[in-house]
Amino acid sequence: QVQLVESGGGLVQAGGSLRLSCAASGRTASTYAMGWFRQVPGKEREFVSAISWSGITTQYADSGKGRFTISRDNAKNTMYLQMNSLKSEDTAVYYCAAGGPAYGGLQTDQKDYGMNYWGKGTLVTVSS
């Protein structure tokens, strides 16, 4: 089992930056791909970014390319999302996720990249 806890959300002005963190617990946490998803009330959850278990492979939604950077520190069992040049449309609850086959690649053909462990989310509000 893997437990995920997000932190770092908050209120920021448009153009500002935030760094989200996701602390993972569980013996196998570092063997899974991890990712960030977000959801606005009344809308479907959407993919933001994902990173392989090794940290070598990353993917981003078009909305975050050039502005967001995903990273992970397996020694600390923590994943990060650095968000720069934030826009009002980035306002959402951001969820951390993990899963897929241990030591596997990003499951790009699976719903939610095959991730089946989820945190409770952290709210990011960008004021214009």
Foldseek 3Di string as FASTA:
>chain_A
DKAKAKDWADEAAQQAKIKMKIAIDDPQLLQWKKAKWWDDPPDDIGGAKIAGSVRPDMDGDPVQPPFWDWGDDSVRRMIMIIGGNDDQVVWTWMKMWIDDDGNDDQQVVDVVSHTDHIYPTDTHGYHD
